[in-house]
Amino acid sequence: ITGLKGHSYLDQVASFASKTEADEAIRISA
């Protein structure tokens, strides 16, 4: 999944921790 690099996001899996997308392409393995 591409187009989201550099955007901040709320990670519900990590108790809504605020993170920043570092990857050009998001891949799913969990």
PDB file of all heavy atoms in Angstrom:
ATOM      1  N   ILE A   1       0.866  -1.182   0.000  1.00  0.00           N
ATOM      2  CA  ILE A   1       0.000   0.000   0.000  1.00  0.00           C
ATOM      3  C   ILE A   1       0.895   1.222   0.000  1.00  0.00           C
ATOM      4  O   ILE A   1       1.733   1.389   0.900  1.00  0.00           O
ATOM      5  CB  ILE A   1      -0.926  -0.002   1.236  1.00  0.00           C
ATOM      6  CG1 ILE A   1      -1.789  -1.269   1.231  1.00  0.00           C
ATOM      7  CG2 ILE A   1      -1.796   1.247   1.265  1.00  0.00           C
ATOM      8  CD1 ILE A   1      -2.489  -1.534   2.552  1.00  0.00           C
ATOM      9  N   THR A   2       0.750   2.078  -0.996  1.00  0.00           N
ATOM     10  CA  THR A   2       1.629   3.233  -1.126  1.00  0.00           C
ATOM     11  C   THR A   2       0.824   4.532  -1.057  1.00  0.00           C
ATOM     12  O   THR A   2      -0.382   4.545  -1.291  1.00  0.00           O
ATOM     13  CB  THR A   2       2.401   3.191  -2.458  1.00  0.00           C
ATOM     14  OG1 THR A   2       1.464   3.284  -3.548  1.00  0.00           O
ATOM     15  CG2 THR A   2       3.198   1.896  -2.593  1.00  0.00           C
ATOM     16  N   GLY A   3       1.526   5.620  -0.735  1.00  0.00           N
ATOM     17  CA  GLY A   3       0.904   6.939  -0.704  1.00  0.00           C
ATOM     18  C   GLY A   3       0.788   7.536   0.684  1.00  0.00           C
ATOM     19  O   GLY A   3       0.268   8.648   0.832  1.00  0.00           O
ATOM     20  N   LEU A   4       1.290   6.841   1.702  1.00  0.00           N
ATOM     21  CA  LEU A   4       1.108   7.314   3.080  1.00  0.00           C
ATOM     22  C   LEU A   4       2.430   7.594   3.798  1.00  0.00           C
ATOM     23  O   LEU A   4       2.420   7.946   4.978  1.00  0.00           O
ATOM     24  CB  LEU A   4       0.291   6.293   3.871  1.00  0.00           C
ATOM     25  CG  LEU A   4      -1.161   6.153   3.402  1.00  0.00           C
ATOM     26  CD1 LEU A   4      -1.801   4.908   4.006  1.00  0.00           C
ATOM     27  CD2 LEU A   4      -1.965   7.404   3.745  1.00  0.00           C
ATOM     28  N   LYS A   5       3.538   7.468   3.109  1.00  0.00           N
ATOM     29  CA  LYS A   5       4.831   7.728   3.742  1.00  0.00           C
ATOM     30  C   LYS A   5       4.895   9.160   4.274  1.00  0.00           C
ATOM     31  O   LYS A   5       4.483  10.109   3.606  1.00  0.00           O
ATOM     32  CB  LYS A   5       5.968   7.501   2.746  1.00  0.00           C
ATOM     33  CG  LYS A   5       7.357   7.687   3.366  1.00  0.00           C
ATOM     34  CD  LYS A   5       8.463   7.435   2.352  1.00  0.00           C
ATOM     35  CE  LYS A   5       9.831   7.627   3.003  1.00  0.00           C
ATOM     36  NZ  LYS A   5      10.937   7.404   2.034  1.00  0.00           N
ATOM     37  N   GLY A   6       5.425   9.305   5.493  1.00  0.00           N
ATOM     38  CA  GLY A   6       5.606  10.624   6.098  1.00  0.00           C
ATOM     39  C   GLY A   6       4.421  11.104   6.909  1.00  0.00           C
ATOM     40  O   GLY A   6       4.527  12.096   7.637  1.00  0.00           O
ATOM     41  N   HIS A   7       3.271  10.410   6.809  1.00  0.00           N
ATOM     42  CA  HIS A   7       2.084  10.836   7.562  1.00  0.00           C
ATOM     43  C   HIS A   7       2.108  10.257   8.969  1.00  0.00           C
ATOM     44  O   HIS A   7       2.489   9.095   9.178  1.00  0.00           O
ATOM     45  CB  HIS A   7       0.813  10.386   6.848  1.00  0.00           C
ATOM     46  CG  HIS A   7       0.512  11.174   5.621  1.00  0.00           C
ATOM     47  ND1 HIS A   7       0.017  12.452   5.666  1.00  0.00           N
ATOM     48  CD2 HIS A   7       0.643  10.869   4.304  1.00  0.00           C
ATOM     49  CE1 HIS A   7      -0.154  12.906   4.438  1.00  0.00           C
ATOM     50  NE2 HIS A   7       0.225  11.963   3.588  1.00  0.00           N
ATOM     51  N   SER A   8       1.673  11.039   9.923  1.00  0.00           N
ATOM     52  CA  SER A   8       1.509  10.525  11.277  1.00  0.00           C
ATOM     53  C   SER A   8       0.245   9.686  11.339  1.00  0.00           C
ATOM     54  O   SER A   8      -0.703   9.911  10.570  1.00  0.00           O
ATOM     55  CB  SER A   8       1.436  11.680  12.280  1.00  0.00           C
ATOM     56  OG  SER A   8       0.311  12.497  12.019  1.00  0.00           O
ATOM     57  N   TYR A   9       0.245   8.719  12.249  1.00  0.00           N
ATOM     58  CA  TYR A   9      -0.937   7.873  12.390  1.00  0.00           C
ATOM     59  C   TYR A   9      -1.109   7.423  13.840  1.00  0.00           C
ATOM     60  O   TYR A   9      -0.154   7.407  14.631  1.00  0.00           O
ATOM     61  CB  TYR A   9      -0.880   6.664  11.457  1.00  0.00           C
ATOM     62  CG  TYR A   9       0.214   5.648  11.713  1.00  0.00           C
ATOM     63  CD1 TYR A   9       0.001   4.550  12.552  1.00  0.00           C
ATOM     64  CD2 TYR A   9       1.458   5.750  11.086  1.00  0.00           C
ATOM     65  CE1 TYR A   9       0.990   3.607  12.767  1.00  0.00           C
ATOM     66  CE2 TYR A   9       2.452   4.810  11.286  1.00  0.00           C
ATOM     67  CZ  TYR A   9       2.217   3.734  12.134  1.00  0.00           C
ATOM     68  OH  TYR A   9       3.196   2.804  12.342  1.00  0.00           O
ATOM     69  N   LEU A  10      -2.350   7.108  14.163  1.00  0.00           N
ATOM     70  CA  LEU A  10      -2.688   6.527  15.457  1.00  0.00           C
ATOM     71  C   LEU A  10      -2.764   5.021  15.281  1.00  0.00           C
ATOM     72  O   LEU A  10      -3.528   4.530  14.443  1.00  0.00           O
ATOM     73  CB  LEU A  10      -4.016   7.083  15.963  1.00  0.00           C
ATOM     74  CG  LEU A  10      -4.094   8.608  16.107  1.00  0.00           C
ATOM     75  CD1 LEU A  10      -5.486   9.036  16.548  1.00  0.00           C
ATOM     76  CD2 LEU A  10      -3.039   9.112  17.081  1.00  0.00           C
ATOM     77  N   ASP A  11      -1.977   4.296  16.060  1.00  0.00           N
ATOM     78  CA  ASP A  11      -1.869   2.846  15.933  1.00  0.00           C
ATOM     79  C   ASP A  11      -2.728   2.187  17.012  1.00  0.00           C
ATOM     80  O   ASP A  11      -2.329   2.112  18.169  1.00  0.00           O
ATOM     81  CB  ASP A  11      -0.406   2.430  16.078  1.00  0.00           C
ATOM     82  CG  ASP A  11      -0.182   0.967  15.742  1.00  0.00           C
ATOM     83  OD1 ASP A  11      -1.180   0.228  15.613  1.00  0.00           O
ATOM     84  OD2 ASP A  11       0.989   0.561  15.598  1.00  0.00           O
ATOM     85  N   GLN A  12      -3.914   1.724  16.609  1.00  0.00           N
ATOM     86  CA  GLN A  12      -4.818   1.133  17.592  1.00  0.00           C
ATOM     87  C   GLN A  12      -4.254  -0.148  18.178  1.00  0.00           C
ATOM     88  O   GLN A  12      -4.501  -0.466  19.340  1.00  0.00           O
ATOM     89  CB  GLN A  12      -6.180   0.849  16.963  1.00  0.00           C
ATOM     90  CG  GLN A  12      -7.191   0.293  17.958  1.00  0.00           C
ATOM     91  CD  GLN A  12      -8.613   0.305  17.421  1.00  0.00           C
ATOM     92  OE1 GLN A  12      -9.003   1.218  16.712  1.00  0.00           O
ATOM     93  NE2 GLN A  12      -9.376  -0.710  17.760  1.00  0.00           N
ATOM     94  N   VAL A  13      -3.476  -0.894  17.406  1.00  0.00           N
ATOM     95  CA  VAL A  13      -2.874  -2.125  17.903  1.00  0.00           C
ATOM     96  C   VAL A  13      -1.903  -1.831  19.041  1.00  0.00           C
ATOM     97  O   VAL A  13      -1.696  -2.658  19.930  1.00  0.00           O
ATOM     98  CB  VAL A  13      -2.182  -2.883  16.758  1.00  0.00           C
ATOM     99  CG1 VAL A  13      -1.476  -4.138  17.257  1.00  0.00           C
ATOM    100  CG2 VAL A  13      -3.200  -3.253  15.682  1.00  0.00           C
ATOM    101  N   ALA A  14      -1.318  -0.636  19.034  1.00  0.00           N
ATOM    102  CA  ALA A  14      -0.381  -0.211  20.087  1.00  0.00           C
ATOM    103  C   ALA A  14      -1.034   0.819  21.001  1.00  0.00           C
ATOM    104  O   ALA A  14      -0.414   1.830  21.375  1.00  0.00           O
ATOM    105  CB  ALA A  14       0.883   0.349  19.463  1.00  0.00           C
ATOM    106  N   SER A  15      -2.320   0.602  21.343  1.00  0.00           N
ATOM    107  CA  SER A  15      -3.056   1.472  22.281  1.00  0.00           C
ATOM    108  C   SER A  15      -3.108   2.915  21.806  1.00  0.00           C
ATOM    109  O   SER A  15      -2.938   3.848  22.596  1.00  0.00           O
ATOM    110  CB  SER A  15      -2.445   1.385  23.686  1.00  0.00           C
ATOM    111  OG  SER A  15      -2.460   0.055  24.168  1.00  0.00           O
ATOM    112  N   PHE A  16      -3.319   3.091  20.516  1.00  0.00           N
ATOM    113  CA  PHE A  16      -3.461   4.407  19.876  1.00  0.00           C
ATOM    114  C   PHE A  16      -2.205   5.265  19.996  1.00  0.00           C
ATOM    115  O   PHE A  16      -2.272   6.494  20.049  1.00  0.00           O
ATOM    116  CB  PHE A  16      -4.675   5.161  20.446  1.00  0.00           C
ATOM    117  CG  PHE A  16      -5.990   4.540  20.079  1.00  0.00           C
ATOM    118  CD1 PHE A  16      -6.637   3.711  20.978  1.00  0.00           C
ATOM    119  CD2 PHE A  16      -6.559   4.754  18.840  1.00  0.00           C
ATOM    120  CE1 PHE A  16      -7.855   3.116  20.646  1.00  0.00           C
ATOM    121  CE2 PHE A  16      -7.769   4.171  18.498  1.00  0.00           C
ATOM    122  CZ  PHE A  16      -8.416   3.348  19.404  1.00  0.00           C
ATOM    123  N   ALA A  17      -1.048   4.615  20.040  1.00  0.00           N
ATOM    124  CA  ALA A  17       0.212   5.365  20.049  1.00  0.00           C
ATOM    125  C   ALA A  17       0.341   6.168  18.770  1.00  0.00           C
ATOM    126  O   ALA A  17      -0.060   5.723  17.688  1.00  0.00           O
ATOM    127  CB  ALA A  17       1.388   4.401  20.175  1.00  0.00           C
ATOM    128  N   SER A  18       0.893   7.361  18.876  1.00  0.00           N
ATOM    129  CA  SER A  18       1.122   8.220  17.710  1.00  0.00           C
ATOM    130  C   SER A  18       2.466   7.872  17.083  1.00  0.00           C
ATOM    131  O   SER A  18       3.499   7.878  17.759  1.00  0.00           O
ATOM    132  CB  SER A  18       1.093   9.690  18.125  1.00  0.00           C
ATOM    133  OG  SER A  18       1.298  10.518  16.994  1.00  0.00           O
ATOM    134  N   LYS A  19       2.441   7.562  15.782  1.00  0.00           N
ATOM    135  CA  LYS A  19       3.656   7.171  15.064  1.00  0.00           C
ATOM    136  C   LYS A  19       3.703   7.903  13.725  1.00  0.00           C
ATOM    137  O   LYS A  19       2.741   8.563  13.338  1.00  0.00           O
ATOM    138  CB  LYS A  19       3.674   5.658  14.832  1.00  0.00           C
ATOM    139  CG  LYS A  19       3.606   4.828  16.105  1.00  0.00           C
ATOM    140  CD  LYS A  19       3.615   3.331  15.798  1.00  0.00           C
ATOM    141  CE  LYS A  19       3.544   2.500  17.071  1.00  0.00           C
ATOM    142  NZ  LYS A  19       3.575   1.044  16.779  1.00  0.00           N
ATOM    143  N   THR A  20       4.814   7.771  13.040  1.00  0.00           N
ATOM    144  CA  THR A  20       4.957   8.345  11.702  1.00  0.00           C
ATOM    145  C   THR A  20       5.330   7.237  10.734  1.00  0.00           C
ATOM    146  O   THR A  20       6.211   6.418  11.027  1.00  0.00           O
ATOM    147  CB  THR A  20       6.035   9.444  11.694  1.00  0.00           C
ATOM    148  OG1 THR A  20       5.661  10.489  12.590  1.00  0.00           O
ATOM    149  CG2 THR A  20       6.187  10.034  10.294  1.00  0.00           C
ATOM    150  N   GLU A  21       4.640   7.209   9.587  1.00  0.00           N
ATOM    151  CA  GLU A  21       4.904   6.168   8.591  1.00  0.00           C
ATOM    152  C   GLU A  21       6.254   6.416   7.920  1.00  0.00           C
ATOM    153  O   GLU A  21       6.445   7.429   7.252  1.00  0.00           O
ATOM    154  CB  GLU A  21       3.790   6.144   7.546  1.00  0.00           C
ATOM    155  CG  GLU A  21       3.914   5.031   6.532  1.00  0.00           C
ATOM    156  CD  GLU A  21       3.988   3.673   7.213  1.00  0.00           C
ATOM    157  OE1 GLU A  21       2.967   3.266   7.827  1.00  0.00           O
ATOM    158  OE2 GLU A  21       5.069   3.040   7.133  1.00  0.00           O
ATOM    159  N   ALA A  22       7.172   5.468   8.103  1.00  0.00           N
ATOM    160  CA  ALA A  22       8.514   5.611   7.537  1.00  0.00           C
ATOM    161  C   ALA A  22       8.676   4.864   6.222  1.00  0.00           C
ATOM    162  O   ALA A  22       9.627   5.113   5.481  1.00  0.00           O
ATOM    163  CB  ALA A  22       9.547   5.105   8.544  1.00  0.00           C
ATOM    164  N   ASP A  23       7.762   3.964   5.916  1.00  0.00           N
ATOM    165  CA  ASP A  23       7.928   3.100   4.750  1.00  0.00           C
ATOM    166  C   ASP A  23       7.223   3.660   3.523  1.00  0.00           C
ATOM    167  O   ASP A  23       6.103   4.164   3.607  1.00  0.00           O
ATOM    168  CB  ASP A  23       7.388   1.708   5.049  1.00  0.00           C
ATOM    169  CG  ASP A  23       8.181   0.991   6.133  1.00  0.00           C
ATOM    170  OD1 ASP A  23       9.399   1.239   6.223  1.00  0.00           O
ATOM    171  OD2 ASP A  23       7.575   0.202   6.880  1.00  0.00           O
ATOM    172  N   GLU A  24       7.880   3.513   2.398  1.00  0.00           N
ATOM    173  CA  GLU A  24       7.259   3.882   1.127  1.00  0.00           C
ATOM    174  C   GLU A  24       6.079   2.983   0.821  1.00  0.00           C
ATOM    175  O   GLU A  24       5.048   3.432   0.314  1.00  0.00           O
ATOM    176  CB  GLU A  24       8.304   3.776   0.004  1.00  0.00           C
ATOM    177  CG  GLU A  24       7.847   4.347  -1.323  1.00  0.00           C
ATOM    178  CD  GLU A  24       7.800   5.862  -1.321  1.00  0.00           C
ATOM    179  OE1 GLU A  24       8.739   6.479  -0.792  1.00  0.00           O
ATOM    180  OE2 GLU A  24       6.806   6.415  -1.853  1.00  0.00           O
ATOM    181  N   ALA A  25       6.242   1.695   1.135  1.00  0.00           N
ATOM    182  CA  ALA A  25       5.192   0.703   0.875  1.00  0.00           C
ATOM    183  C   ALA A  25       4.855  -0.020   2.166  1.00  0.00           C
ATOM    184  O   ALA A  25       5.732  -0.609   2.802  1.00  0.00           O
ATOM    185  CB  ALA A  25       5.650  -0.277  -0.186  1.00  0.00           C
ATOM    186  N   ILE A  26       3.592   0.030   2.566  1.00  0.00           N
ATOM    187  CA  ILE A  26       3.131  -0.671   3.752  1.00  0.00           C
ATOM    188  C   ILE A  26       2.838  -2.117   3.370  1.00  0.00           C
ATOM    189  O   ILE A  26       2.140  -2.384   2.387  1.00  0.00           O
ATOM    190  CB  ILE A  26       1.856  -0.010   4.308  1.00  0.00           C
ATOM    191  CG1 ILE A  26       2.137   1.460   4.652  1.00  0.00           C
ATOM    192  CG2 ILE A  26       1.314  -0.767   5.512  1.00  0.00           C
ATOM    193  CD1 ILE A  26       0.880   2.273   4.859  1.00  0.00           C
ATOM    194  N   ARG A  27       3.351  -3.043   4.174  1.00  0.00           N
ATOM    195  CA  ARG A  27       3.097  -4.461   3.948  1.00  0.00           C
ATOM    196  C   ARG A  27       2.433  -5.049   5.188  1.00  0.00           C
ATOM    197  O   ARG A  27       2.622  -4.558   6.301  1.00  0.00           O
ATOM    198  CB  ARG A  27       4.393  -5.201   3.599  1.00  0.00           C
ATOM    199  CG  ARG A  27       5.020  -4.673   2.315  1.00  0.00           C
ATOM    200  CD  ARG A  27       6.229  -5.487   1.892  1.00  0.00           C
ATOM    201  NE  ARG A  27       6.833  -4.947   0.685  1.00  0.00           N
ATOM    202  CZ  ARG A  27       6.428  -5.202  -0.549  1.00  0.00           C
ATOM    203  NH1 ARG A  27       5.407  -6.037  -0.742  1.00  0.00           N
ATOM    204  NH2 ARG A  27       7.024  -4.673  -1.598  1.00  0.00           N
ATOM    205  N   ILE A  28       1.674  -6.106   4.978  1.00  0.00           N
ATOM    206  CA  ILE A  28       0.877  -6.684   6.058  1.00  0.00           C
ATOM    207  C   ILE A  28       1.423  -8.050   6.438  1.00  0.00           C
ATOM    208  O   ILE A  28       1.502  -8.958   5.601  1.00  0.00           O
ATOM    209  CB  ILE A  28      -0.603  -6.792   5.635  1.00  0.00           C
ATOM    210  CG1 ILE A  28      -1.168  -5.396   5.392  1.00  0.00           C
ATOM    211  CG2 ILE A  28      -1.422  -7.535   6.692  1.00  0.00           C
ATOM    212  CD1 ILE A  28      -2.551  -5.377   4.809  1.00  0.00           C
ATOM    213  N   SER A  29       1.814  -8.191   7.718  1.00  0.00           N
ATOM    214  CA  SER A  29       2.291  -9.474   8.229  1.00  0.00           C
ATOM    215  C   SER A  29       1.770  -9.729   9.643  1.00  0.00           C
ATOM    216  O   SER A  29       2.215 -10.663  10.303  1.00  0.00           O
ATOM    217  CB  SER A  29       3.830  -9.506   8.226  1.00  0.00           C
ATOM    218  OG  SER A  29       4.347  -8.441   9.013  1.00  0.00           O
ATOM    219  N   ALA A  30       0.836  -8.880  10.094  1.00  0.00           N
ATOM    220  CA  ALA A  30       0.219  -8.988  11.409  1.00  0.00           C
ATOM    221  C   ALA A  30      -0.998  -8.078  11.395  1.00  0.00           C
ATOM    222  O   ALA A  30      -1.293  -7.442  10.378  1.00  0.00           O
ATOM    223  CB  ALA A  30       1.202  -8.571  12.511  1.00  0.00           C
TER     224      ALA A  30
END
